[in-house]
Amino acid sequence: MHNLKELSVWNKAMVLTVEVYKAVTTFPVDERFGLTSQIKRSAVSVPSNIAEGAGRNNVKEFIHFLGISNGSSFELQTQIILANKLNLISKETSNSLLNKIDEIQKMTYGLIKKLKNY
């Protein structure tokens, strides 16, 4: 079991999730059950799966949940790009979120690599 609050990748994913929630507040009401909901679910999934993996009893399970988290980050990345193409969020907001997602993906891959050598 890992100390969740000490995991930099989890902390960065939490910050990203808050920023994503703030970004989608400007989406049209008719997107509430569409893209808005999907983006929120993907964003929440990133730190949630890191947390679930950190709470598991062995490294193999942690790596599995890091993989799920990473998949959710790629899903979120796609949705942010789509939201920008639909003019739902600005290029500036999109770039900021995408840069954070990219950093989290790199950190996740690094942690997986480190755990595999553990």
PDB file of N, CA and C in Angstrom:
ATOM      1  N   MET A   1       0.837  -1.180   0.000  1.00  0.00           N
ATOM      2  CA  MET A   1       0.000   0.000   0.000  1.00  0.00           C
ATOM      3  C   MET A   1       0.885   1.247   0.000  1.00  0.00           C
ATOM      4  N   HIS A   2       0.555   2.212  -0.805  1.00  0.00           N
ATOM      5  CA  HIS A   2       1.343   3.432  -0.955  1.00  0.00           C
ATOM      6  C   HIS A   2       0.626   4.604  -0.290  1.00  0.00           C
ATOM      7  N   ASN A   3       1.400   5.577   0.167  1.00  0.00           N
ATOM      8  CA  ASN A   3       0.824   6.778   0.743  1.00  0.00           C
ATOM      9  C   ASN A   3       0.371   7.683  -0.403  1.00  0.00           C
ATOM     10  N   LEU A   4      -0.911   7.736  -0.599  1.00  0.00           N
ATOM     11  CA  LEU A   4      -1.505   8.425  -1.731  1.00  0.00           C
ATOM     12  C   LEU A   4      -1.110   9.895  -1.802  1.00  0.00           C
ATOM     13  N   LYS A   5      -1.141  10.570  -0.677  1.00  0.00           N
ATOM     14  CA  LYS A   5      -0.877  12.010  -0.660  1.00  0.00           C
ATOM     15  C   LYS A   5       0.574  12.348  -1.010  1.00  0.00           C
ATOM     16  N   GLU A   6       1.446  11.354  -0.977  1.00  0.00           N
ATOM     17  CA  GLU A   6       2.846  11.568  -1.350  1.00  0.00           C
ATOM     18  C   GLU A   6       3.123  11.278  -2.821  1.00  0.00           C
ATOM     19  N   LEU A   7       2.134  10.763  -3.535  1.00  0.00           N
ATOM     20  CA  LEU A   7       2.308  10.452  -4.955  1.00  0.00           C
ATOM     21  C   LEU A   7       2.096  11.716  -5.789  1.00  0.00           C
ATOM     22  N   SER A   8       3.165  12.219  -6.379  1.00  0.00           N
ATOM     23  CA  SER A   8       3.087  13.450  -7.185  1.00  0.00           C
ATOM     24  C   SER A   8       2.090  13.311  -8.322  1.00  0.00           C
ATOM     25  N   VAL A   9       2.058  12.148  -8.948  1.00  0.00           N
ATOM     26  CA  VAL A   9       1.159  11.953 -10.084  1.00  0.00           C
ATOM     27  C   VAL A   9      -0.303  12.048  -9.636  1.00  0.00           C
ATOM     28  N   TRP A  10      -0.619  11.541  -8.462  1.00  0.00           N
ATOM     29  CA  TRP A  10      -1.986  11.650  -7.943  1.00  0.00           C
ATOM     30  C   TRP A  10      -2.325  13.105  -7.649  1.00  0.00           C
ATOM     31  N   ASN A  11      -1.410  13.823  -7.023  1.00  0.00           N
ATOM     32  CA  ASN A  11      -1.643  15.236  -6.714  1.00  0.00           C
ATOM     33  C   ASN A  11      -1.855  16.056  -7.979  1.00  0.00           C
ATOM     34  N   LYS A  12      -1.053  15.814  -9.002  1.00  0.00           N
ATOM     35  CA  LYS A  12      -1.203  16.538 -10.270  1.00  0.00           C
ATOM     36  C   LYS A  12      -2.523  16.160 -10.958  1.00  0.00           C
ATOM     37  N   ALA A  13      -2.916  14.906 -10.845  1.00  0.00           N
ATOM     38  CA  ALA A  13      -4.180  14.473 -11.435  1.00  0.00           C
ATOM     39  C   ALA A  13      -5.372  15.113 -10.719  1.00  0.00           C
ATOM     40  N   MET A  14      -5.237  15.313  -9.424  1.00  0.00           N
ATOM     41  CA  MET A  14      -6.304  15.993  -8.671  1.00  0.00           C
ATOM     42  C   MET A  14      -6.433  17.450  -9.120  1.00  0.00           C
ATOM     43  N   VAL A  15      -5.305  18.124  -9.293  1.00  0.00           N
ATOM     44  CA  VAL A  15      -5.316  19.514  -9.771  1.00  0.00           C
ATOM     45  C   VAL A  15      -5.943  19.577 -11.161  1.00  0.00           C
ATOM     46  N   LEU A  16      -5.552  18.649 -12.038  1.00  0.00           N
ATOM     47  CA  LEU A  16      -6.117  18.592 -13.385  1.00  0.00           C
ATOM     48  C   LEU A  16      -7.633  18.436 -13.328  1.00  0.00           C
ATOM     49  N   THR A  17      -8.107  17.548 -12.495  1.00  0.00           N
ATOM     50  CA  THR A  17      -9.545  17.289 -12.401  1.00  0.00           C
ATOM     51  C   THR A  17     -10.302  18.543 -11.995  1.00  0.00           C
ATOM     52  N   VAL A  18      -9.787  19.263 -11.020  1.00  0.00           N
ATOM     53  CA  VAL A  18     -10.429  20.516 -10.596  1.00  0.00           C
ATOM     54  C   VAL A  18     -10.460  21.511 -11.762  1.00  0.00           C
ATOM     55  N   GLU A  19      -9.353  21.618 -12.483  1.00  0.00           N
ATOM     56  CA  GLU A  19      -9.293  22.547 -13.614  1.00  0.00           C
ATOM     57  C   GLU A  19     -10.248  22.141 -14.734  1.00  0.00           C
ATOM     58  N   VAL A  20     -10.382  20.853 -14.964  1.00  0.00           N
ATOM     59  CA  VAL A  20     -11.323  20.369 -15.979  1.00  0.00           C
ATOM     60  C   VAL A  20     -12.754  20.729 -15.571  1.00  0.00           C
ATOM     61  N   TYR A  21     -13.097  20.505 -14.323  1.00  0.00           N
ATOM     62  CA  TYR A  21     -14.441  20.850 -13.850  1.00  0.00           C
ATOM     63  C   TYR A  21     -14.723  22.336 -14.042  1.00  0.00           C
ATOM     64  N   LYS A  22     -13.738  23.165 -13.759  1.00  0.00           N
ATOM     65  CA  LYS A  22     -13.912  24.613 -13.947  1.00  0.00           C
ATOM     66  C   LYS A  22     -14.080  24.949 -15.426  1.00  0.00           C
ATOM     67  N   ALA A  23     -13.318  24.288 -16.280  1.00  0.00           N
ATOM     68  CA  ALA A  23     -13.362  24.576 -17.718  1.00  0.00           C
ATOM     69  C   ALA A  23     -14.713  24.235 -18.337  1.00  0.00           C
ATOM     70  N   VAL A  24     -15.345  23.170 -17.876  1.00  0.00           N
ATOM     71  CA  VAL A  24     -16.600  22.751 -18.510  1.00  0.00           C
ATOM     72  C   VAL A  24     -17.821  23.524 -18.002  1.00  0.00           C
ATOM     73  N   THR A  25     -17.626  24.380 -17.017  1.00  0.00           N
ATOM     74  CA  THR A  25     -18.766  25.185 -16.522  1.00  0.00           C
ATOM     75  C   THR A  25     -19.291  26.130 -17.590  1.00  0.00           C
ATOM     76  N   THR A  26     -18.467  26.429 -18.585  1.00  0.00           N
ATOM     77  CA  THR A  26     -18.892  27.343 -19.651  1.00  0.00           C
ATOM     78  C   THR A  26     -19.562  26.612 -20.816  1.00  0.00           C
ATOM     79  N   PHE A  27     -19.613  25.299 -20.772  1.00  0.00           N
ATOM     80  CA  PHE A  27     -20.234  24.538 -21.858  1.00  0.00           C
ATOM     81  C   PHE A  27     -21.738  24.821 -21.882  1.00  0.00           C
ATOM     82  N   PRO A  28     -22.350  24.735 -23.052  1.00  0.00           N
ATOM     83  CA  PRO A  28     -23.797  24.940 -23.149  1.00  0.00           C
ATOM     84  C   PRO A  28     -24.576  23.906 -22.325  1.00  0.00           C
ATOM     85  N   VAL A  29     -25.730  24.301 -21.867  1.00  0.00           N
ATOM     86  CA  VAL A  29     -26.571  23.421 -21.042  1.00  0.00           C
ATOM     87  C   VAL A  29     -26.928  22.141 -21.790  1.00  0.00           C
ATOM     88  N   ASP A  30     -27.118  22.229 -23.095  1.00  0.00           N
ATOM     89  CA  ASP A  30     -27.497  21.033 -23.854  1.00  0.00           C
ATOM     90  C   ASP A  30     -26.372  20.009 -23.951  1.00  0.00           C
ATOM     91  N   GLU A  31     -25.175  20.369 -23.515  1.00  0.00           N
ATOM     92  CA  GLU A  31     -24.050  19.425 -23.470  1.00  0.00           C
ATOM     93  C   GLU A  31     -23.908  18.769 -22.097  1.00  0.00           C
ATOM     94  N   ARG A  32     -24.759  19.139 -21.153  1.00  0.00           N
ATOM     95  CA  ARG A  32     -24.642  18.657 -19.778  1.00  0.00           C
ATOM     96  C   ARG A  32     -24.603  17.133 -19.694  1.00  0.00           C
ATOM     97  N   PHE A  33     -25.410  16.454 -20.495  1.00  0.00           N
ATOM     98  CA  PHE A  33     -25.452  14.992 -20.443  1.00  0.00           C
ATOM     99  C   PHE A  33     -24.638  14.357 -21.564  1.00  0.00           C
ATOM    100  N   GLY A  34     -23.968  15.168 -22.329  1.00  0.00           N
ATOM    101  CA  GLY A  34     -23.134  14.680 -23.425  1.00  0.00           C
ATOM    102  C   GLY A  34     -21.669  14.800 -23.087  1.00  0.00           C
ATOM    103  N   LEU A  35     -21.011  15.669 -23.815  1.00  0.00           N
ATOM    104  CA  LEU A  35     -19.570  15.816 -23.684  1.00  0.00           C
ATOM    105  C   LEU A  35     -19.150  16.288 -22.290  1.00  0.00           C
ATOM    106  N   THR A  36     -19.924  17.180 -21.694  1.00  0.00           N
ATOM    107  CA  THR A  36     -19.586  17.669 -20.350  1.00  0.00           C
ATOM    108  C   THR A  36     -19.486  16.518 -19.358  1.00  0.00           C
ATOM    109  N   SER A  37     -20.489  15.676 -19.356  1.00  0.00           N
ATOM    110  CA  SER A  37     -20.528  14.534 -18.440  1.00  0.00           C
ATOM    111  C   SER A  37     -19.380  13.569 -18.712  1.00  0.00           C
ATOM    112  N   GLN A  38     -19.116  13.314 -19.982  1.00  0.00           N
ATOM    113  CA  GLN A  38     -18.051  12.376 -20.350  1.00  0.00           C
ATOM    114  C   GLN A  38     -16.675  12.913 -19.956  1.00  0.00           C
ATOM    115  N   ILE A  39     -16.456  14.198 -20.161  1.00  0.00           N
ATOM    116  CA  ILE A  39     -15.178  14.812 -19.788  1.00  0.00           C
ATOM    117  C   ILE A  39     -14.979  14.721 -18.275  1.00  0.00           C
ATOM    118  N   LYS A  40     -16.025  15.009 -17.524  1.00  0.00           N
ATOM    119  CA  LYS A  40     -15.915  14.940 -16.061  1.00  0.00           C
ATOM    120  C   LYS A  40     -15.602  13.512 -15.608  1.00  0.00           C
ATOM    121  N   ARG A  41     -16.277  12.537 -16.189  1.00  0.00           N
ATOM    122  CA  ARG A  41     -16.029  11.138 -15.811  1.00  0.00           C
ATOM    123  C   ARG A  41     -14.592  10.726 -16.116  1.00  0.00           C
ATOM    124  N   SER A  42     -14.102  11.103 -17.289  1.00  0.00           N
ATOM    125  CA  SER A  42     -12.723  10.766 -17.653  1.00  0.00           C
ATOM    126  C   SER A  42     -11.734  11.426 -16.703  1.00  0.00           C
ATOM    127  N   ALA A  43     -11.973  12.704 -16.402  1.00  0.00           N
ATOM    128  CA  ALA A  43     -11.063  13.439 -15.519  1.00  0.00           C
ATOM    129  C   ALA A  43     -11.021  12.815 -14.131  1.00  0.00           C
ATOM    130  N   VAL A  44     -12.178  12.481 -13.583  1.00  0.00           N
ATOM    131  CA  VAL A  44     -12.245  11.877 -12.240  1.00  0.00           C
ATOM    132  C   VAL A  44     -11.596  10.509 -12.229  1.00  0.00           C
ATOM    133  N   SER A  45     -11.686   9.800 -13.335  1.00  0.00           N
ATOM    134  CA  SER A  45     -11.127   8.453 -13.427  1.00  0.00           C
ATOM    135  C   SER A  45      -9.601   8.435 -13.292  1.00  0.00           C
ATOM    136  N   VAL A  46      -8.951   9.508 -13.713  1.00  0.00           N
ATOM    137  CA  VAL A  46      -7.479   9.531 -13.690  1.00  0.00           C
ATOM    138  C   VAL A  46      -6.962   9.413 -12.246  1.00  0.00           C
ATOM    139  N   PRO A  47      -7.280  10.347 -11.335  1.00  0.00           N
ATOM    140  CA  PRO A  47      -6.772  10.200  -9.970  1.00  0.00           C
ATOM    141  C   PRO A  47      -7.432   9.058  -9.206  1.00  0.00           C
ATOM    142  N   SER A  48      -8.674   8.747  -9.543  1.00  0.00           N
ATOM    143  CA  SER A  48      -9.386   7.676  -8.831  1.00  0.00           C
ATOM    144  C   SER A  48      -8.725   6.322  -9.042  1.00  0.00           C
ATOM    145  N   ASN A  49      -8.302   6.044 -10.270  1.00  0.00           N
ATOM    146  CA  ASN A  49      -7.644   4.763 -10.529  1.00  0.00           C
ATOM    147  C   ASN A  49      -6.235   4.715  -9.961  1.00  0.00           C
ATOM    148  N   ILE A  50      -5.561   5.854  -9.924  1.00  0.00           N
ATOM    149  CA  ILE A  50      -4.268   5.897  -9.239  1.00  0.00           C
ATOM    150  C   ILE A  50      -4.476   5.560  -7.767  1.00  0.00           C
ATOM    151  N   ALA A  51      -5.504   6.152  -7.182  1.00  0.00           N
ATOM    152  CA  ALA A  51      -5.803   5.910  -5.767  1.00  0.00           C
ATOM    153  C   ALA A  51      -6.169   4.454  -5.514  1.00  0.00           C
ATOM    154  N   GLU A  52      -7.012   3.895  -6.372  1.00  0.00           N
ATOM    155  CA  GLU A  52      -7.404   2.501  -6.174  1.00  0.00           C
ATOM    156  C   GLU A  52      -6.193   1.574  -6.279  1.00  0.00           C
ATOM    157  N   GLY A  53      -5.345   1.822  -7.257  1.00  0.00           N
ATOM    158  CA  GLY A  53      -4.149   1.004  -7.405  1.00  0.00           C
ATOM    159  C   GLY A  53      -3.205   1.132  -6.228  1.00  0.00           C
ATOM    160  N   ALA A  54      -3.056   2.364  -5.728  1.00  0.00           N
ATOM    161  CA  ALA A  54      -2.171   2.592  -4.581  1.00  0.00           C
ATOM    162  C   ALA A  54      -2.663   1.868  -3.341  1.00  0.00           C
ATOM    163  N   GLY A  55      -3.961   1.657  -3.274  1.00  0.00           N
ATOM    164  CA  GLY A  55      -4.541   0.983  -2.117  1.00  0.00           C
ATOM    165  C   GLY A  55      -4.560  -0.531  -2.213  1.00  0.00           C
ATOM    166  N   ARG A  56      -4.139  -1.052  -3.327  1.00  0.00           N
ATOM    167  CA  ARG A  56      -4.114  -2.508  -3.502  1.00  0.00           C
ATOM    168  C   ARG A  56      -2.924  -3.122  -2.778  1.00  0.00           C
ATOM    169  N   ASN A  57      -2.954  -4.440  -2.684  1.00  0.00           N
ATOM    170  CA  ASN A  57      -1.981  -5.149  -1.856  1.00  0.00           C
ATOM    171  C   ASN A  57      -0.688  -5.528  -2.557  1.00  0.00           C
ATOM    172  N   ASN A  58      -0.659  -5.416  -3.883  1.00  0.00           N
ATOM    173  CA  ASN A  58       0.589  -5.794  -4.548  1.00  0.00           C
ATOM    174  C   ASN A  58       0.880  -4.886  -5.736  1.00  0.00           C
ATOM    175  N   VAL A  59       2.122  -4.917  -6.164  1.00  0.00           N
ATOM    176  CA  VAL A  59       2.612  -4.047  -7.226  1.00  0.00           C
ATOM    177  C   VAL A  59       1.906  -4.329  -8.553  1.00  0.00           C
ATOM    178  N   LYS A  60       1.640  -5.601  -8.829  1.00  0.00           N
ATOM    179  CA  LYS A  60       0.991  -5.960 -10.091  1.00  0.00           C
ATOM    180  C   LYS A  60      -0.372  -5.284 -10.221  1.00  0.00           C
ATOM    181  N   GLU A  61      -1.133  -5.264  -9.148  1.00  0.00           N
ATOM    182  CA  GLU A  61      -2.441  -4.601  -9.172  1.00  0.00           C
ATOM    183  C   GLU A  61      -2.287  -3.093  -9.325  1.00  0.00           C
ATOM    184  N   PHE A  62      -1.300  -2.521  -8.657  1.00  0.00           N
ATOM    185  CA  PHE A  62      -1.053  -1.083  -8.774  1.00  0.00           C
ATOM    186  C   PHE A  62      -0.749  -0.731 -10.228  1.00  0.00           C
ATOM    187  N   ILE A  63       0.102  -1.503 -10.867  1.00  0.00           N
ATOM    188  CA  ILE A  63       0.445  -1.272 -12.270  1.00  0.00           C
ATOM    189  C   ILE A  63      -0.805  -1.364 -13.150  1.00  0.00           C
ATOM    190  N   HIS A  64      -1.662  -2.333 -12.867  1.00  0.00           N
ATOM    191  CA  HIS A  64      -2.907  -2.498 -13.628  1.00  0.00           C
ATOM    192  C   HIS A  64      -3.760  -1.233 -13.554  1.00  0.00           C
ATOM    193  N   PHE A  65      -3.940  -0.705 -12.347  1.00  0.00           N
ATOM    194  CA  PHE A  65      -4.782   0.478 -12.187  1.00  0.00           C
ATOM    195  C   PHE A  65      -4.114   1.738 -12.734  1.00  0.00           C
ATOM    196  N   LEU A  66      -2.796   1.790 -12.729  1.00  0.00           N
ATOM    197  CA  LEU A  66      -2.101   2.897 -13.374  1.00  0.00           C
ATOM    198  C   LEU A  66      -2.357   2.864 -14.881  1.00  0.00           C
ATOM    199  N   GLY A  67      -2.428   1.666 -15.432  1.00  0.00           N
ATOM    200  CA  GLY A  67      -2.750   1.516 -16.848  1.00  0.00           C
ATOM    201  C   GLY A  67      -4.155   2.004 -17.164  1.00  0.00           C
ATOM    202  N   ILE A  68      -5.101   1.692 -16.294  1.00  0.00           N
ATOM    203  CA  ILE A  68      -6.476   2.174 -16.481  1.00  0.00           C
ATOM    204  C   ILE A  68      -6.502   3.700 -16.391  1.00  0.00           C
ATOM    205  N   SER A  69      -5.791   4.241 -15.404  1.00  0.00           N
ATOM    206  CA  SER A  69      -5.714   5.688 -15.247  1.00  0.00           C
ATOM    207  C   SER A  69      -5.141   6.333 -16.507  1.00  0.00           C
ATOM    208  N   ASN A  70      -4.112   5.734 -17.040  1.00  0.00           N
ATOM    209  CA  ASN A  70      -3.487   6.277 -18.245  1.00  0.00           C
ATOM    210  C   ASN A  70      -4.448   6.226 -19.426  1.00  0.00           C
ATOM    211  N   GLY A  71      -5.202   5.153 -19.532  1.00  0.00           N
ATOM    212  CA  GLY A  71      -6.212   5.070 -20.587  1.00  0.00           C
ATOM    213  C   GLY A  71      -7.239   6.177 -20.461  1.00  0.00           C
ATOM    214  N   SER A  72      -7.653   6.460 -19.234  1.00  0.00           N
ATOM    215  CA  SER A  72      -8.604   7.546 -18.996  1.00  0.00           C
ATOM    216  C   SER A  72      -8.003   8.895 -19.359  1.00  0.00           C
ATOM    217  N   SER A  73      -6.700   9.052 -19.150  1.00  0.00           N
ATOM    218  CA  SER A  73      -6.053  10.320 -19.500  1.00  0.00           C
ATOM    219  C   SER A  73      -6.039  10.516 -21.016  1.00  0.00           C
ATOM    220  N   PHE A  74      -5.874   9.441 -21.774  1.00  0.00           N
ATOM    221  CA  PHE A  74      -5.918   9.543 -23.231  1.00  0.00           C
ATOM    222  C   PHE A  74      -7.341   9.833 -23.705  1.00  0.00           C
ATOM    223  N   GLU A  75      -8.317   9.249 -23.032  1.00  0.00           N
ATOM    224  CA  GLU A  75      -9.714   9.545 -23.339  1.00  0.00           C
ATOM    225  C   GLU A  75      -9.997  11.026 -23.081  1.00  0.00           C
ATOM    226  N   LEU A  76      -9.546  11.524 -21.936  1.00  0.00           N
ATOM    227  CA  LEU A  76      -9.736  12.928 -21.591  1.00  0.00           C
ATOM    228  C   LEU A  76      -9.036  13.832 -22.609  1.00  0.00           C
ATOM    229  N   GLN A  77      -7.843  13.455 -22.998  1.00  0.00           N
ATOM    230  CA  GLN A  77      -7.089  14.228 -23.985  1.00  0.00           C
ATOM    231  C   GLN A  77      -7.904  14.383 -25.274  1.00  0.00           C
ATOM    232  N   THR A  78      -8.465  13.311 -25.744  1.00  0.00           N
ATOM    233  CA  THR A  78      -9.283  13.319 -26.959  1.00  0.00           C
ATOM    234  C   THR A  78     -10.496  14.232 -26.798  1.00  0.00           C
ATOM    235  N   GLN A  79     -11.136  14.148 -25.654  1.00  0.00           N
ATOM    236  CA  GLN A  79     -12.337  14.950 -25.402  1.00  0.00           C
ATOM    237  C   GLN A  79     -12.015  16.439 -25.303  1.00  0.00           C
ATOM    238  N   ILE A  80     -10.870  16.778 -24.731  1.00  0.00           N
ATOM    239  CA  ILE A  80     -10.456  18.183 -24.647  1.00  0.00           C
ATOM    240  C   ILE A  80     -10.170  18.725 -26.054  1.00  0.00           C
ATOM    241  N   ILE A  81      -9.498  17.927 -26.879  1.00  0.00           N
ATOM    242  CA  ILE A  81      -9.231  18.335 -28.262  1.00  0.00           C
ATOM    243  C   ILE A  81     -10.553  18.545 -29.001  1.00  0.00           C
ATOM    244  N   LEU A  82     -11.485  17.629 -28.821  1.00  0.00           N
ATOM    245  CA  LEU A  82     -12.800  17.750 -29.458  1.00  0.00           C
ATOM    246  C   LEU A  82     -13.534  18.998 -28.973  1.00  0.00           C
ATOM    247  N   ALA A  83     -13.507  19.245 -27.675  1.00  0.00           N
ATOM    248  CA  ALA A  83     -14.180  20.425 -27.117  1.00  0.00           C
ATOM    249  C   ALA A  83     -13.604  21.700 -27.713  1.00  0.00           C
ATOM    250  N   ASN A  84     -12.294  21.722 -27.938  1.00  0.00           N
ATOM    251  CA  ASN A  84     -11.682  22.887 -28.567  1.00  0.00           C
ATOM    252  C   ASN A  84     -12.121  23.013 -30.019  1.00  0.00           C
ATOM    253  N   LYS A  85     -12.149  21.901 -30.742  1.00  0.00           N
ATOM    254  CA  LYS A  85     -12.563  21.933 -32.148  1.00  0.00           C
ATOM    255  C   LYS A  85     -14.024  22.373 -32.290  1.00  0.00           C
ATOM    256  N   LEU A  86     -14.831  22.107 -31.260  1.00  0.00           N
ATOM    257  CA  LEU A  86     -16.237  22.519 -31.265  1.00  0.00           C
ATOM    258  C   LEU A  86     -16.427  23.925 -30.690  1.00  0.00           C
ATOM    259  N   ASN A  87     -15.295  24.584 -30.396  1.00  0.00           N
ATOM    260  CA  ASN A  87     -15.303  25.934 -29.823  1.00  0.00           C
ATOM    261  C   ASN A  87     -16.023  26.012 -28.478  1.00  0.00           C
ATOM    262  N   LEU A  88     -15.952  24.925 -27.723  1.00  0.00           N
ATOM    263  CA  LEU A  88     -16.535  24.917 -26.382  1.00  0.00           C
ATOM    264  C   LEU A  88     -15.546  25.420 -25.333  1.00  0.00           C
ATOM    265  N   ILE A  89     -14.245  25.256 -25.632  1.00  0.00           N
ATOM    266  CA  ILE A  89     -13.194  25.817 -24.778  1.00  0.00           C
ATOM    267  C   ILE A  89     -12.155  26.491 -25.670  1.00  0.00           C
ATOM    268  N   SER A  90     -11.510  27.477 -25.112  1.00  0.00           N
ATOM    269  CA  SER A  90     -10.516  28.235 -25.877  1.00  0.00           C
ATOM    270  C   SER A  90      -9.266  27.408 -26.130  1.00  0.00           C
ATOM    271  N   LYS A  91      -8.497  27.854 -27.104  1.00  0.00           N
ATOM    272  CA  LYS A  91      -7.220  27.203 -27.416  1.00  0.00           C
ATOM    273  C   LYS A  91      -6.295  27.296 -26.201  1.00  0.00           C
ATOM    274  N   GLU A  92      -6.323  28.426 -25.511  1.00  0.00           N
ATOM    275  CA  GLU A  92      -5.483  28.622 -24.325  1.00  0.00           C
ATOM    276  C   GLU A  92      -5.835  27.613 -23.228  1.00  0.00           C
ATOM    277  N   THR A  93      -7.112  27.463 -22.941  1.00  0.00           N
ATOM    278  CA  THR A  93      -7.549  26.504 -21.923  1.00  0.00           C
ATOM    279  C   THR A  93      -7.227  25.089 -22.355  1.00  0.00           C
ATOM    280  N   SER A  94      -7.495  24.800 -23.616  1.00  0.00           N
ATOM    281  CA  SER A  94      -7.209  23.474 -24.161  1.00  0.00           C
ATOM    282  C   SER A  94      -5.726  23.150 -24.020  1.00  0.00           C
ATOM    283  N   ASN A  95      -4.859  24.058 -24.433  1.00  0.00           N
ATOM    284  CA  ASN A  95      -3.416  23.821 -24.354  1.00  0.00           C
ATOM    285  C   ASN A  95      -2.953  23.618 -22.918  1.00  0.00           C
ATOM    286  N   SER A  96      -3.489  24.405 -22.006  1.00  0.00           N
ATOM    287  CA  SER A  96      -3.119  24.268 -20.595  1.00  0.00           C
ATOM    288  C   SER A  96      -3.492  22.883 -20.066  1.00  0.00           C
ATOM    289  N   LEU A  97      -4.710  22.452 -20.364  1.00  0.00           N
ATOM    290  CA  LEU A  97      -5.169  21.132 -19.904  1.00  0.00           C
ATOM    291  C   LEU A  97      -4.373  20.019 -20.584  1.00  0.00           C
ATOM    292  N   LEU A  98      -4.138  20.152 -21.880  1.00  0.00           N
ATOM    293  CA  LEU A  98      -3.397  19.121 -22.610  1.00  0.00           C
ATOM    294  C   LEU A  98      -1.960  18.994 -22.111  1.00  0.00           C
ATOM    295  N   ASN A  99      -1.344  20.105 -21.756  1.00  0.00           N
ATOM    296  CA  ASN A  99       0.010  20.052 -21.202  1.00  0.00           C
ATOM    297  C   ASN A  99       0.027  19.309 -19.871  1.00  0.00           C
ATOM    298  N   LYS A 100      -0.978  19.546 -19.042  1.00  0.00           N
ATOM    299  CA  LYS A 100      -1.077  18.850 -17.747  1.00  0.00           C
ATOM    300  C   LYS A 100      -1.317  17.354 -17.956  1.00  0.00           C
ATOM    301  N   ILE A 101      -2.176  17.032 -18.910  1.00  0.00           N
ATOM    302  CA  ILE A 101      -2.453  15.624 -19.217  1.00  0.00           C
ATOM    303  C   ILE A 101      -1.174  14.941 -19.691  1.00  0.00           C
ATOM    304  N   ASP A 102      -0.440  15.594 -20.563  1.00  0.00           N
ATOM    305  CA  ASP A 102       0.808  15.038 -21.085  1.00  0.00           C
ATOM    306  C   ASP A 102       1.799  14.767 -19.947  1.00  0.00           C
ATOM    307  N   GLU A 103       1.913  15.700 -19.033  1.00  0.00           N
ATOM    308  CA  GLU A 103       2.813  15.527 -17.894  1.00  0.00           C
ATOM    309  C   GLU A 103       2.381  14.336 -17.032  1.00  0.00           C
ATOM    310  N   ILE A 104       1.089  14.207 -16.802  1.00  0.00           N
ATOM    311  CA  ILE A 104       0.575  13.094 -15.999  1.00  0.00           C
ATOM    312  C   ILE A 104       0.821  11.768 -16.710  1.00  0.00           C
ATOM    313  N   GLN A 105       0.636  11.727 -18.018  1.00  0.00           N
ATOM    314  CA  GLN A 105       0.890  10.502 -18.774  1.00  0.00           C
ATOM    315  C   GLN A 105       2.350  10.083 -18.651  1.00  0.00           C
ATOM    316  N   LYS A 106       3.256  11.033 -18.770  1.00  0.00           N
ATOM    317  CA  LYS A 106       4.676  10.727 -18.634  1.00  0.00           C
ATOM    318  C   LYS A 106       5.003  10.236 -17.228  1.00  0.00           C
ATOM    319  N   MET A 107       4.411  10.863 -16.233  1.00  0.00           N
ATOM    320  CA  MET A 107       4.648  10.452 -14.850  1.00  0.00           C
ATOM    321  C   MET A 107       4.104   9.053 -14.601  1.00  0.00           C
ATOM    322  N   THR A 108       2.946   8.763 -15.170  1.00  0.00           N
ATOM    323  CA  THR A 108       2.334   7.438 -15.002  1.00  0.00           C
ATOM    324  C   THR A 108       3.218   6.369 -15.636  1.00  0.00           C
ATOM    325  N   TYR A 109       3.671   6.626 -16.856  1.00  0.00           N
ATOM    326  CA  TYR A 109       4.571   5.673 -17.510  1.00  0.00           C
ATOM    327  C   TYR A 109       5.840   5.473 -16.700  1.00  0.00           C
ATOM    328  N   GLY A 110       6.373   6.555 -16.172  1.00  0.00           N
ATOM    329  CA  GLY A 110       7.580   6.462 -15.350  1.00  0.00           C
ATOM    330  C   GLY A 110       7.362   5.641 -14.098  1.00  0.00           C
ATOM    331  N   LEU A 111       6.213   5.838 -13.454  1.00  0.00           N
ATOM    332  CA  LEU A 111       5.898   5.075 -12.242  1.00  0.00           C
ATOM    333  C   LEU A 111       5.697   3.600 -12.564  1.00  0.00           C
ATOM    334  N   ILE A 112       5.023   3.322 -13.672  1.00  0.00           N
ATOM    335  CA  ILE A 112       4.846   1.919 -14.075  1.00  0.00           C
ATOM    336  C   ILE A 112       6.207   1.264 -14.302  1.00  0.00           C
ATOM    337  N   LYS A 113       7.082   1.958 -15.018  1.00  0.00           N
ATOM    338  CA  LYS A 113       8.415   1.423 -15.293  1.00  0.00           C
ATOM    339  C   LYS A 113       9.178   1.165 -13.984  1.00  0.00           C
ATOM    340  N   LYS A 114       9.092   2.105 -13.077  1.00  0.00           N
ATOM    341  CA  LYS A 114       9.759   1.961 -11.784  1.00  0.00           C
ATOM    342  C   LYS A 114       9.187   0.768 -11.004  1.00  0.00           C
ATOM    343  N   LEU A 115       7.872   0.623 -11.001  1.00  0.00           N
ATOM    344  CA  LEU A 115       7.251  -0.475 -10.253  1.00  0.00           C
ATOM    345  C   LEU A 115       7.571  -1.822 -10.879  1.00  0.00           C
ATOM    346  N   LYS A 116       7.707  -1.888 -12.201  1.00  0.00           N
ATOM    347  CA  LYS A 116       8.051  -3.133 -12.864  1.00  0.00           C
ATOM    348  C   LYS A 116       9.449  -3.608 -12.479  1.00  0.00           C
ATOM    349  N   ASN A 117      10.325  -2.666 -12.152  1.00  0.00           N
ATOM    350  CA  ASN A 117      11.693  -2.985 -11.748  1.00  0.00           C
ATOM    351  C   ASN A 117      11.802  -3.194 -10.249  1.00  0.00           C
ATOM    352  N   TYR A 118      10.704  -3.070  -9.552  1.00  0.00           N
ATOM    353  CA  TYR A 118      10.682  -3.153  -8.089  1.00  0.00           C
ATOM    354  C   TYR A 118      10.859  -4.560  -7.588  1.00  0.00           C
TER     355      TYR A 118
END
